[in-house]
N, C-alpha and C. Protein backbone atom coordinates (compact mmCIF):
# COMPACT_ATOMS: atom_id res chain seq x y z
N MET A 1 38.12 -14.16 16.80
CA MET A 1 38.96 -13.79 15.71
C MET A 1 39.25 -15.00 14.77
N LYS A 2 39.43 -16.22 15.41
CA LYS A 2 39.57 -17.43 14.58
C LYS A 2 38.48 -17.67 13.66
N SER A 3 37.22 -17.44 14.17
CA SER A 3 36.03 -17.71 13.34
C SER A 3 35.97 -16.73 12.13
N LYS A 4 36.40 -15.48 12.38
CA LYS A 4 36.45 -14.50 11.24
C LYS A 4 37.50 -14.93 10.20
N SER A 5 38.66 -15.48 10.65
CA SER A 5 39.74 -15.90 9.76
C SER A 5 39.25 -17.15 8.99
N PHE A 6 38.60 -18.00 9.73
CA PHE A 6 38.04 -19.22 9.14
C PHE A 6 37.05 -18.87 8.04
N PHE A 7 36.13 -17.94 8.37
CA PHE A 7 35.06 -17.56 7.48
C PHE A 7 35.69 -16.89 6.24
N ALA A 8 36.73 -16.06 6.44
CA ALA A 8 37.33 -15.31 5.34
C ALA A 8 38.04 -16.34 4.45
N ALA A 9 38.72 -17.30 5.01
CA ALA A 9 39.41 -18.34 4.21
C ALA A 9 38.42 -19.19 3.45
N GLY A 10 37.28 -19.51 4.07
CA GLY A 10 36.21 -20.30 3.38
C GLY A 10 35.65 -19.46 2.29
N ALA A 11 35.36 -18.24 2.41
CA ALA A 11 34.82 -17.36 1.43
C ALA A 11 35.78 -17.22 0.20
N LEU A 12 37.07 -17.11 0.57
CA LEU A 12 38.13 -17.04 -0.50
C LEU A 12 38.18 -18.29 -1.29
N LEU A 13 38.09 -19.41 -0.62
CA LEU A 13 38.12 -20.72 -1.29
C LEU A 13 36.90 -20.90 -2.22
N LEU A 14 35.72 -20.45 -1.74
CA LEU A 14 34.52 -20.59 -2.52
C LEU A 14 34.64 -19.67 -3.72
N MET A 15 35.13 -18.39 -3.59
CA MET A 15 35.26 -17.51 -4.72
C MET A 15 36.24 -18.04 -5.69
N THR A 16 37.34 -18.70 -5.27
CA THR A 16 38.28 -19.25 -6.22
C THR A 16 37.68 -20.44 -6.96
N ALA A 17 36.92 -21.21 -6.31
CA ALA A 17 36.23 -22.34 -6.99
C ALA A 17 35.22 -21.84 -7.98
N ILE A 18 34.52 -20.81 -7.69
CA ILE A 18 33.51 -20.23 -8.59
C ILE A 18 34.25 -19.60 -9.81
N ALA A 19 35.33 -18.93 -9.55
CA ALA A 19 36.07 -18.31 -10.65
C ALA A 19 36.68 -19.34 -11.58
N GLY A 20 37.16 -20.44 -10.97
CA GLY A 20 37.68 -21.51 -11.79
C GLY A 20 36.62 -22.16 -12.58
N PHE A 21 35.49 -22.34 -12.06
CA PHE A 21 34.34 -22.91 -12.79
C PHE A 21 33.87 -22.01 -13.95
N ALA A 22 33.85 -20.71 -13.64
CA ALA A 22 33.39 -19.81 -14.72
C ALA A 22 34.38 -19.66 -15.90
N THR A 23 35.66 -19.90 -15.60
CA THR A 23 36.63 -19.76 -16.70
C THR A 23 36.94 -21.08 -17.34
N SER A 24 36.44 -22.17 -16.90
CA SER A 24 36.78 -23.50 -17.54
C SER A 24 36.19 -23.61 -18.90
N PHE A 25 35.08 -22.89 -19.24
CA PHE A 25 34.59 -22.83 -20.53
C PHE A 25 33.83 -21.53 -20.70
N ASP A 26 33.61 -21.21 -22.00
CA ASP A 26 32.91 -19.92 -22.29
C ASP A 26 31.96 -20.22 -23.49
N TRP A 27 30.70 -20.45 -23.25
CA TRP A 27 29.77 -20.78 -24.27
C TRP A 27 29.70 -19.70 -25.32
N GLU A 28 29.60 -18.38 -24.85
CA GLU A 28 29.55 -17.30 -25.79
C GLU A 28 30.80 -17.27 -26.72
N LYS A 29 31.92 -17.51 -26.14
CA LYS A 29 33.19 -17.51 -26.94
C LYS A 29 33.14 -18.63 -27.99
N ALA A 30 32.65 -19.80 -27.56
CA ALA A 30 32.62 -20.92 -28.49
C ALA A 30 31.67 -20.65 -29.65
N VAL A 31 30.49 -20.06 -29.39
CA VAL A 31 29.55 -19.71 -30.50
C VAL A 31 30.17 -18.62 -31.34
N SER A 32 30.80 -17.69 -30.71
CA SER A 32 31.44 -16.61 -31.51
C SER A 32 32.54 -17.12 -32.42
N LEU A 33 33.34 -18.04 -31.94
CA LEU A 33 34.38 -18.68 -32.75
C LEU A 33 33.78 -19.40 -33.91
N TYR A 34 32.66 -20.12 -33.70
CA TYR A 34 31.99 -20.85 -34.77
C TYR A 34 31.51 -19.81 -35.81
N LYS A 35 30.77 -18.75 -35.39
CA LYS A 35 30.26 -17.78 -36.27
C LYS A 35 31.33 -17.06 -37.06
N GLN A 36 32.58 -16.99 -36.52
CA GLN A 36 33.65 -16.36 -37.20
C GLN A 36 34.40 -17.26 -38.17
N GLY A 37 33.94 -18.53 -38.16
CA GLY A 37 34.57 -19.52 -39.06
C GLY A 37 35.80 -20.07 -38.52
N GLN A 38 36.02 -19.90 -37.26
CA GLN A 38 37.21 -20.51 -36.57
C GLN A 38 36.77 -21.87 -35.96
N TYR A 39 36.57 -22.82 -36.84
CA TYR A 39 35.91 -24.05 -36.49
C TYR A 39 36.82 -24.94 -35.56
N ARG A 40 38.09 -24.93 -35.82
CA ARG A 40 38.92 -25.81 -34.95
C ARG A 40 38.96 -25.30 -33.51
N ALA A 41 39.08 -23.93 -33.41
CA ALA A 41 39.06 -23.34 -32.11
C ALA A 41 37.66 -23.53 -31.39
N ALA A 42 36.62 -23.46 -32.22
CA ALA A 42 35.28 -23.61 -31.70
C ALA A 42 35.13 -25.04 -31.13
N VAL A 43 35.66 -26.00 -31.90
CA VAL A 43 35.56 -27.45 -31.39
C VAL A 43 36.23 -27.51 -30.03
N ALA A 44 37.39 -26.96 -29.87
CA ALA A 44 38.15 -27.00 -28.61
C ALA A 44 37.28 -26.39 -27.52
N GLU A 45 36.68 -25.23 -27.76
CA GLU A 45 35.91 -24.50 -26.78
C GLU A 45 34.62 -25.32 -26.38
N PHE A 46 33.92 -25.79 -27.45
CA PHE A 46 32.70 -26.66 -27.17
C PHE A 46 33.08 -27.90 -26.40
N GLN A 47 34.24 -28.52 -26.72
CA GLN A 47 34.67 -29.67 -25.91
C GLN A 47 34.94 -29.38 -24.51
N ASN A 48 35.34 -28.15 -24.16
CA ASN A 48 35.41 -27.71 -22.81
C ASN A 48 34.10 -27.68 -22.09
N VAL A 49 33.06 -27.28 -22.90
CA VAL A 49 31.69 -27.21 -22.35
C VAL A 49 31.22 -28.65 -22.01
N VAL A 50 31.38 -29.61 -23.00
CA VAL A 50 30.90 -30.96 -22.75
C VAL A 50 31.77 -31.67 -21.76
N ALA A 51 32.92 -31.20 -21.50
CA ALA A 51 33.74 -31.82 -20.39
C ALA A 51 33.02 -31.50 -19.08
N GLU A 52 32.42 -30.34 -18.99
CA GLU A 52 31.79 -29.91 -17.74
C GLU A 52 30.32 -30.43 -17.71
N PHE A 53 29.70 -30.34 -18.92
CA PHE A 53 28.30 -30.72 -19.05
C PHE A 53 28.13 -31.72 -20.21
N PRO A 54 28.34 -32.96 -19.98
CA PRO A 54 28.36 -33.99 -21.07
C PRO A 54 27.00 -34.12 -21.76
N ASN A 55 25.96 -33.68 -21.19
CA ASN A 55 24.64 -33.79 -21.83
C ASN A 55 24.17 -32.48 -22.42
N HIS A 56 25.03 -31.62 -22.74
CA HIS A 56 24.68 -30.30 -23.39
C HIS A 56 24.61 -30.53 -24.93
N ALA A 57 23.34 -30.79 -25.34
CA ALA A 57 23.08 -31.19 -26.71
C ALA A 57 23.56 -30.16 -27.72
N ASP A 58 23.36 -28.88 -27.45
CA ASP A 58 23.78 -27.89 -28.46
C ASP A 58 25.28 -27.82 -28.60
N SER A 59 26.01 -28.08 -27.58
CA SER A 59 27.48 -28.11 -27.70
C SER A 59 27.91 -29.32 -28.59
N TRP A 60 27.29 -30.41 -28.39
CA TRP A 60 27.58 -31.60 -29.28
C TRP A 60 27.22 -31.25 -30.72
N LYS A 61 26.06 -30.56 -30.89
CA LYS A 61 25.61 -30.18 -32.24
C LYS A 61 26.70 -29.24 -32.84
N PHE A 62 27.14 -28.23 -32.15
CA PHE A 62 28.12 -27.31 -32.67
C PHE A 62 29.50 -28.06 -32.93
N ILE A 63 29.85 -28.95 -32.12
CA ILE A 63 31.05 -29.77 -32.44
C ILE A 63 30.91 -30.44 -33.80
N GLY A 64 29.77 -31.10 -33.95
CA GLY A 64 29.51 -31.76 -35.23
C GLY A 64 29.45 -30.82 -36.42
N LEU A 65 28.78 -29.67 -36.25
CA LEU A 65 28.77 -28.65 -37.32
C LEU A 65 30.11 -28.11 -37.65
N SER A 66 30.94 -28.00 -36.58
CA SER A 66 32.30 -27.47 -36.83
C SER A 66 33.11 -28.47 -37.67
N TYR A 67 33.00 -29.73 -37.27
CA TYR A 67 33.74 -30.75 -38.04
C TYR A 67 33.17 -30.83 -39.50
N TYR A 68 31.88 -30.68 -39.66
CA TYR A 68 31.32 -30.60 -41.01
C TYR A 68 31.95 -29.48 -41.85
N GLN A 69 32.03 -28.30 -41.23
CA GLN A 69 32.65 -27.22 -41.94
C GLN A 69 34.08 -27.43 -42.23
N LEU A 70 34.79 -28.22 -41.44
CA LEU A 70 36.19 -28.58 -41.67
C LEU A 70 36.28 -29.74 -42.65
N LYS A 71 35.14 -30.23 -43.08
CA LYS A 71 35.07 -31.39 -44.01
C LYS A 71 35.60 -32.63 -43.37
N GLU A 72 35.52 -32.76 -42.08
CA GLU A 72 35.95 -33.89 -41.30
C GLU A 72 34.68 -34.67 -40.96
N TYR A 73 34.03 -35.28 -41.97
CA TYR A 73 32.74 -35.86 -41.83
C TYR A 73 32.70 -36.99 -40.87
N GLU A 74 33.63 -37.83 -40.86
CA GLU A 74 33.71 -38.97 -39.97
C GLU A 74 33.65 -38.51 -38.49
N LYS A 75 34.34 -37.43 -38.19
CA LYS A 75 34.33 -36.87 -36.85
C LYS A 75 33.02 -36.17 -36.55
N ALA A 76 32.30 -35.63 -37.60
CA ALA A 76 31.07 -34.88 -37.35
C ALA A 76 29.97 -35.83 -36.91
N MET A 77 29.87 -37.00 -37.48
CA MET A 77 28.74 -37.94 -37.22
C MET A 77 28.55 -38.25 -35.78
N PRO A 78 29.58 -38.73 -35.05
CA PRO A 78 29.32 -39.10 -33.65
C PRO A 78 28.80 -37.91 -32.84
N ALA A 79 29.36 -36.76 -33.05
CA ALA A 79 28.91 -35.60 -32.26
C ALA A 79 27.48 -35.24 -32.61
N LEU A 80 27.10 -35.25 -33.87
CA LEU A 80 25.75 -34.98 -34.29
C LEU A 80 24.73 -36.03 -33.82
N GLU A 81 25.17 -37.26 -33.86
CA GLU A 81 24.33 -38.39 -33.33
C GLU A 81 24.08 -38.22 -31.83
N LYS A 82 25.17 -37.85 -31.12
CA LYS A 82 25.05 -37.64 -29.65
C LYS A 82 24.02 -36.47 -29.36
N ALA A 83 24.13 -35.42 -30.18
CA ALA A 83 23.20 -34.32 -29.97
C ALA A 83 21.76 -34.76 -30.27
N LEU A 84 21.56 -35.54 -31.30
CA LEU A 84 20.28 -36.04 -31.59
C LEU A 84 19.74 -36.87 -30.48
N ALA A 85 20.53 -37.79 -30.00
CA ALA A 85 20.07 -38.68 -28.94
C ALA A 85 19.72 -37.86 -27.68
N LEU A 86 20.51 -36.85 -27.34
CA LEU A 86 20.19 -36.12 -26.14
C LEU A 86 18.89 -35.28 -26.37
N LYS A 87 18.67 -34.75 -27.53
CA LYS A 87 17.48 -33.96 -27.78
C LYS A 87 16.25 -34.89 -27.73
N LYS A 88 16.39 -36.09 -28.35
CA LYS A 88 15.30 -37.03 -28.26
C LYS A 88 14.93 -37.41 -26.86
N ALA A 89 15.97 -37.65 -25.98
CA ALA A 89 15.78 -37.95 -24.61
C ALA A 89 15.05 -36.86 -23.89
N ASP A 90 15.19 -35.59 -24.33
CA ASP A 90 14.46 -34.49 -23.71
C ASP A 90 13.11 -34.23 -24.36
N GLY A 91 12.80 -35.11 -25.39
CA GLY A 91 11.48 -34.95 -26.06
C GLY A 91 11.50 -33.79 -27.05
N LYS A 92 12.69 -33.41 -27.54
CA LYS A 92 12.80 -32.30 -28.45
C LYS A 92 13.14 -32.72 -29.83
N THR A 93 12.77 -31.95 -30.81
CA THR A 93 13.20 -32.16 -32.22
C THR A 93 14.02 -30.93 -32.64
N ASP A 94 14.85 -31.18 -33.54
CA ASP A 94 15.74 -30.11 -34.09
C ASP A 94 15.98 -30.29 -35.65
N PRO A 95 15.08 -29.67 -36.43
CA PRO A 95 15.24 -29.85 -37.84
C PRO A 95 16.65 -29.54 -38.42
N ASP A 96 17.29 -28.54 -37.80
CA ASP A 96 18.67 -28.20 -38.23
C ASP A 96 19.68 -29.33 -38.06
N LEU A 97 19.44 -30.04 -36.96
CA LEU A 97 20.26 -31.22 -36.64
C LEU A 97 20.04 -32.32 -37.65
N LEU A 98 18.81 -32.56 -38.02
CA LEU A 98 18.42 -33.55 -39.00
C LEU A 98 19.09 -33.20 -40.39
N LEU A 99 19.06 -31.92 -40.70
CA LEU A 99 19.66 -31.45 -41.95
C LEU A 99 21.15 -31.68 -41.89
N ALA A 100 21.75 -31.33 -40.81
CA ALA A 100 23.25 -31.54 -40.71
C ALA A 100 23.60 -33.03 -40.77
N LEU A 101 22.88 -33.83 -40.18
CA LEU A 101 23.13 -35.33 -40.25
C LEU A 101 22.97 -35.83 -41.67
N SER A 102 21.99 -35.35 -42.34
CA SER A 102 21.78 -35.77 -43.75
C SER A 102 22.85 -35.23 -44.68
N ARG A 103 23.26 -34.01 -44.40
CA ARG A 103 24.36 -33.44 -45.25
C ARG A 103 25.66 -34.19 -45.03
N VAL A 104 25.93 -34.54 -43.80
CA VAL A 104 27.20 -35.35 -43.53
C VAL A 104 27.16 -36.60 -44.28
N GLN A 105 25.99 -37.31 -44.20
CA GLN A 105 25.86 -38.65 -44.84
C GLN A 105 25.97 -38.50 -46.42
N ILE A 106 25.36 -37.48 -46.93
CA ILE A 106 25.49 -37.23 -48.39
C ILE A 106 26.89 -36.90 -48.76
N SER A 107 27.58 -36.09 -47.90
CA SER A 107 29.00 -35.79 -48.23
C SER A 107 29.91 -37.11 -48.19
N LEU A 108 29.40 -38.07 -47.42
CA LEU A 108 30.18 -39.31 -47.31
C LEU A 108 29.64 -40.31 -48.37
N LYS A 109 28.69 -39.82 -49.16
CA LYS A 109 28.08 -40.70 -50.24
C LYS A 109 27.33 -41.86 -49.65
N LYS A 110 26.79 -41.69 -48.47
CA LYS A 110 25.97 -42.71 -47.78
C LYS A 110 24.54 -42.29 -47.91
N TYR A 111 24.07 -42.32 -49.08
CA TYR A 111 22.68 -41.84 -49.37
C TYR A 111 21.63 -42.66 -48.67
N ASP A 112 21.86 -43.94 -48.50
CA ASP A 112 20.86 -44.80 -47.80
C ASP A 112 20.83 -44.36 -46.31
N GLN A 113 21.92 -43.95 -45.77
CA GLN A 113 21.90 -43.50 -44.34
C GLN A 113 21.37 -42.08 -44.17
N ALA A 114 21.47 -41.27 -45.27
CA ALA A 114 20.96 -39.89 -45.21
C ALA A 114 19.39 -39.98 -45.35
N LEU A 115 18.90 -40.97 -45.99
CA LEU A 115 17.52 -40.98 -46.30
C LEU A 115 16.54 -40.87 -45.09
N PRO A 116 16.75 -41.67 -44.02
CA PRO A 116 15.90 -41.55 -42.85
C PRO A 116 15.82 -40.16 -42.25
N PHE A 117 16.99 -39.48 -42.21
CA PHE A 117 17.01 -38.09 -41.71
C PHE A 117 16.23 -37.18 -42.63
N LEU A 118 16.42 -37.36 -43.93
CA LEU A 118 15.71 -36.49 -44.91
C LEU A 118 14.22 -36.74 -44.91
N GLU A 119 13.80 -37.98 -44.87
CA GLU A 119 12.38 -38.31 -44.80
C GLU A 119 11.74 -37.76 -43.60
N ASN A 120 12.41 -37.80 -42.44
CA ASN A 120 11.94 -37.22 -41.23
C ASN A 120 11.89 -35.66 -41.29
N LEU A 121 12.96 -35.16 -41.88
CA LEU A 121 13.02 -33.68 -42.06
C LEU A 121 11.92 -33.16 -42.94
N THR A 122 11.65 -33.86 -44.01
CA THR A 122 10.57 -33.32 -44.94
C THR A 122 9.19 -33.55 -44.33
N LYS A 123 9.06 -34.52 -43.38
CA LYS A 123 7.80 -34.59 -42.63
C LYS A 123 7.66 -33.47 -41.72
N GLN A 124 8.74 -33.02 -41.05
CA GLN A 124 8.70 -31.94 -40.07
C GLN A 124 8.50 -30.62 -40.79
N ARG A 125 9.24 -30.47 -41.85
CA ARG A 125 9.25 -29.19 -42.62
C ARG A 125 8.98 -29.45 -44.16
N PRO A 126 7.75 -29.87 -44.53
CA PRO A 126 7.53 -30.16 -45.98
C PRO A 126 7.45 -28.93 -46.77
N ASP A 127 7.41 -27.71 -46.19
CA ASP A 127 7.23 -26.52 -46.86
C ASP A 127 8.53 -25.91 -47.42
N LEU A 128 9.69 -26.52 -47.18
CA LEU A 128 10.97 -25.94 -47.56
C LEU A 128 11.49 -26.71 -48.85
N ALA A 129 11.66 -25.95 -49.89
CA ALA A 129 12.21 -26.46 -51.15
C ALA A 129 13.50 -27.16 -50.98
N SER A 130 14.36 -26.62 -50.14
CA SER A 130 15.72 -27.19 -49.93
C SER A 130 15.59 -28.57 -49.34
N ASN A 131 14.68 -28.81 -48.48
CA ASN A 131 14.51 -30.19 -47.85
C ASN A 131 14.08 -31.16 -48.94
N GLN A 132 13.13 -30.75 -49.74
CA GLN A 132 12.66 -31.63 -50.85
C GLN A 132 13.76 -31.90 -51.86
N TYR A 133 14.54 -30.87 -52.15
CA TYR A 133 15.66 -31.04 -53.07
C TYR A 133 16.68 -32.03 -52.53
N MET A 134 17.09 -31.93 -51.27
CA MET A 134 18.02 -32.87 -50.70
C MET A 134 17.47 -34.29 -50.70
N LEU A 135 16.18 -34.40 -50.45
CA LEU A 135 15.53 -35.75 -50.51
C LEU A 135 15.62 -36.28 -51.89
N GLY A 136 15.35 -35.43 -52.95
CA GLY A 136 15.49 -35.84 -54.32
C GLY A 136 16.91 -36.33 -54.62
N VAL A 137 17.91 -35.55 -54.12
CA VAL A 137 19.31 -35.98 -54.37
C VAL A 137 19.59 -37.35 -53.82
N ALA A 138 19.11 -37.63 -52.59
CA ALA A 138 19.35 -38.94 -51.99
C ALA A 138 18.64 -39.99 -52.85
N TYR A 139 17.36 -39.82 -53.20
CA TYR A 139 16.58 -40.77 -53.97
C TYR A 139 17.34 -41.01 -55.34
N ALA A 140 17.72 -39.94 -55.99
CA ALA A 140 18.39 -40.11 -57.29
C ALA A 140 19.62 -40.90 -57.20
N ASN A 141 20.43 -40.68 -56.14
CA ASN A 141 21.68 -41.41 -55.97
C ASN A 141 21.47 -42.88 -55.61
N LEU A 142 20.22 -43.17 -55.16
CA LEU A 142 19.87 -44.54 -54.78
C LEU A 142 19.10 -45.22 -55.95
N ASN A 143 19.09 -44.54 -57.11
CA ASN A 143 18.39 -45.01 -58.30
C ASN A 143 16.85 -45.21 -58.02
N ARG A 144 16.34 -44.41 -57.19
CA ARG A 144 14.91 -44.43 -56.88
C ARG A 144 14.24 -43.27 -57.63
N THR A 145 14.26 -43.39 -59.01
CA THR A 145 13.97 -42.34 -59.93
C THR A 145 12.58 -41.73 -59.69
N GLU A 146 11.60 -42.51 -59.58
CA GLU A 146 10.23 -41.95 -59.41
C GLU A 146 10.13 -41.10 -58.15
N GLU A 147 10.69 -41.58 -57.08
CA GLU A 147 10.67 -40.79 -55.79
C GLU A 147 11.45 -39.56 -55.91
N ALA A 148 12.62 -39.63 -56.66
CA ALA A 148 13.41 -38.47 -56.85
C ALA A 148 12.66 -37.45 -57.72
N ILE A 149 12.00 -37.83 -58.72
CA ILE A 149 11.19 -36.91 -59.51
C ILE A 149 10.09 -36.24 -58.67
N THR A 150 9.44 -37.01 -57.83
CA THR A 150 8.40 -36.44 -56.95
C THR A 150 8.95 -35.40 -56.02
N ALA A 151 10.16 -35.67 -55.43
CA ALA A 151 10.80 -34.75 -54.53
C ALA A 151 11.23 -33.48 -55.24
N PHE A 152 11.82 -33.72 -56.41
CA PHE A 152 12.34 -32.54 -57.18
C PHE A 152 11.16 -31.68 -57.69
N ARG A 153 10.03 -32.37 -58.09
CA ARG A 153 8.84 -31.53 -58.44
C ARG A 153 8.38 -30.70 -57.26
N ALA A 154 8.37 -31.36 -56.09
CA ALA A 154 7.91 -30.57 -54.89
C ALA A 154 8.84 -29.43 -54.59
N ALA A 155 10.17 -29.64 -54.79
CA ALA A 155 11.14 -28.60 -54.57
C ALA A 155 10.92 -27.39 -55.51
N VAL A 156 10.68 -27.69 -56.75
CA VAL A 156 10.49 -26.68 -57.75
C VAL A 156 9.22 -25.90 -57.48
N LYS A 157 8.12 -26.66 -57.17
CA LYS A 157 6.89 -26.06 -56.86
C LYS A 157 6.91 -25.16 -55.58
N LEU A 158 7.63 -25.62 -54.59
CA LEU A 158 7.77 -24.85 -53.33
C LEU A 158 8.67 -23.58 -53.59
N ALA A 159 9.62 -23.71 -54.43
CA ALA A 159 10.51 -22.64 -54.70
C ALA A 159 9.77 -21.46 -55.28
N ALA A 160 8.84 -21.85 -56.20
CA ALA A 160 8.00 -20.83 -56.90
C ALA A 160 8.72 -19.59 -57.25
N LEU A 161 9.89 -19.75 -57.76
CA LEU A 161 10.69 -18.63 -58.12
C LEU A 161 10.48 -18.26 -59.58
N PRO A 162 10.50 -17.00 -59.91
CA PRO A 162 10.44 -16.61 -61.33
C PRO A 162 11.66 -17.17 -62.01
N PRO A 163 11.56 -17.43 -63.30
CA PRO A 163 12.71 -18.02 -64.02
C PRO A 163 14.03 -17.33 -63.81
N LEU A 164 14.00 -15.99 -63.82
CA LEU A 164 15.31 -15.34 -63.66
C LEU A 164 15.78 -15.22 -62.23
N ALA A 165 14.92 -15.57 -61.26
CA ALA A 165 15.29 -15.42 -59.89
C ALA A 165 15.80 -16.76 -59.34
N GLY A 166 16.04 -17.72 -60.10
CA GLY A 166 16.62 -18.99 -59.57
C GLY A 166 15.72 -20.15 -59.91
N GLY A 167 14.47 -20.01 -60.29
CA GLY A 167 13.64 -21.15 -60.58
C GLY A 167 14.19 -22.06 -61.64
N VAL A 168 14.76 -21.49 -62.70
CA VAL A 168 15.32 -22.29 -63.76
C VAL A 168 16.56 -23.01 -63.21
N ALA A 169 17.39 -22.35 -62.39
CA ALA A 169 18.58 -22.94 -61.90
C ALA A 169 18.21 -24.15 -61.00
N LEU A 170 17.18 -24.11 -60.20
CA LEU A 170 16.82 -25.21 -59.41
C LEU A 170 16.30 -26.34 -60.29
N LEU A 171 15.51 -26.01 -61.24
CA LEU A 171 15.00 -27.07 -62.13
C LEU A 171 16.12 -27.72 -62.93
N VAL A 172 17.07 -26.97 -63.40
CA VAL A 172 18.23 -27.57 -64.15
C VAL A 172 19.07 -28.36 -63.17
N GLY A 173 19.23 -27.95 -61.99
CA GLY A 173 19.96 -28.76 -61.02
C GLY A 173 19.30 -30.14 -60.72
N CYS A 174 17.99 -30.09 -60.61
CA CYS A 174 17.25 -31.30 -60.38
C CYS A 174 17.38 -32.25 -61.65
N LEU A 175 17.25 -31.67 -62.76
CA LEU A 175 17.34 -32.51 -63.98
C LEU A 175 18.75 -33.07 -64.18
N VAL A 176 19.78 -32.36 -63.86
CA VAL A 176 21.16 -32.85 -63.99
C VAL A 176 21.31 -34.06 -63.00
N ILE A 177 20.87 -33.94 -61.84
CA ILE A 177 20.97 -35.06 -60.82
C ILE A 177 20.22 -36.26 -61.40
N LEU A 178 19.04 -35.99 -61.86
CA LEU A 178 18.19 -37.10 -62.37
C LEU A 178 18.97 -37.82 -63.56
N LEU A 179 19.49 -37.03 -64.46
CA LEU A 179 20.15 -37.59 -65.64
C LEU A 179 21.40 -38.44 -65.19
N GLN A 180 22.09 -37.92 -64.19
CA GLN A 180 23.24 -38.70 -63.71
C GLN A 180 22.78 -39.97 -63.07
N SER A 181 21.68 -39.98 -62.39
CA SER A 181 21.17 -41.19 -61.78
C SER A 181 20.71 -42.20 -62.85
N VAL A 182 20.07 -41.71 -63.89
CA VAL A 182 19.68 -42.59 -65.00
C VAL A 182 20.83 -43.18 -65.69
N ARG A 183 21.88 -42.37 -65.90
CA ARG A 183 23.07 -42.85 -66.60
C ARG A 183 23.73 -43.93 -65.75
N ARG A 184 23.79 -43.71 -64.41
CA ARG A 184 24.43 -44.76 -63.57
C ARG A 184 23.60 -46.08 -63.59
N ALA A 185 22.30 -45.87 -63.59
CA ALA A 185 21.42 -47.08 -63.58
C ALA A 185 21.59 -47.85 -64.93
N THR A 186 21.64 -47.14 -65.98
CA THR A 186 21.78 -47.89 -67.30
C THR A 186 23.10 -48.53 -67.47
N ARG A 187 24.18 -47.94 -66.84
CA ARG A 187 25.53 -48.57 -66.89
C ARG A 187 25.56 -49.83 -66.04
N GLN A 188 24.78 -49.87 -65.00
CA GLN A 188 24.81 -51.05 -64.09
C GLN A 188 24.12 -52.22 -64.70
N ARG A 189 23.29 -51.98 -65.69
CA ARG A 189 22.52 -53.17 -66.26
C ARG A 189 23.33 -53.90 -67.21
């Protein structure tokens, strides 16, 4: 009889431990909160995940993306950098992570720090107009006009949009950024 009581108590203890583990975080809930635009709540839920699994790269990525959406760029960088380091350690690449890191740096007006991410991103995905455009933005803001023109030309060519479907808008956006870059450069002389 004692062995049955002992076994029942042990089973109950094990089930309680498993239930506690299962409710300490909820990945699906965290992702759902992010998708619903509840970024602060998503950060809290993803932080519960990394408290249990500190090497969960995608949770770090979503923490950084949430902070980016909240325009808390200084908080976004460490989480995104941690995600990148974890992915690299696993031998993985994540173009979305490179894009997020570059956008944070551009938002902070740290174009020189955005550049390595953008150059890597355009090597991984040279076929995306948006990547070439972002690279052009960084070059233009660093007064690297020739490289900016090359990147913007690639963006316009890749977009291959008819004039009324956005091709003109992309071209005008590229030209505006270039003109701003040239104006800054001439004022500095």
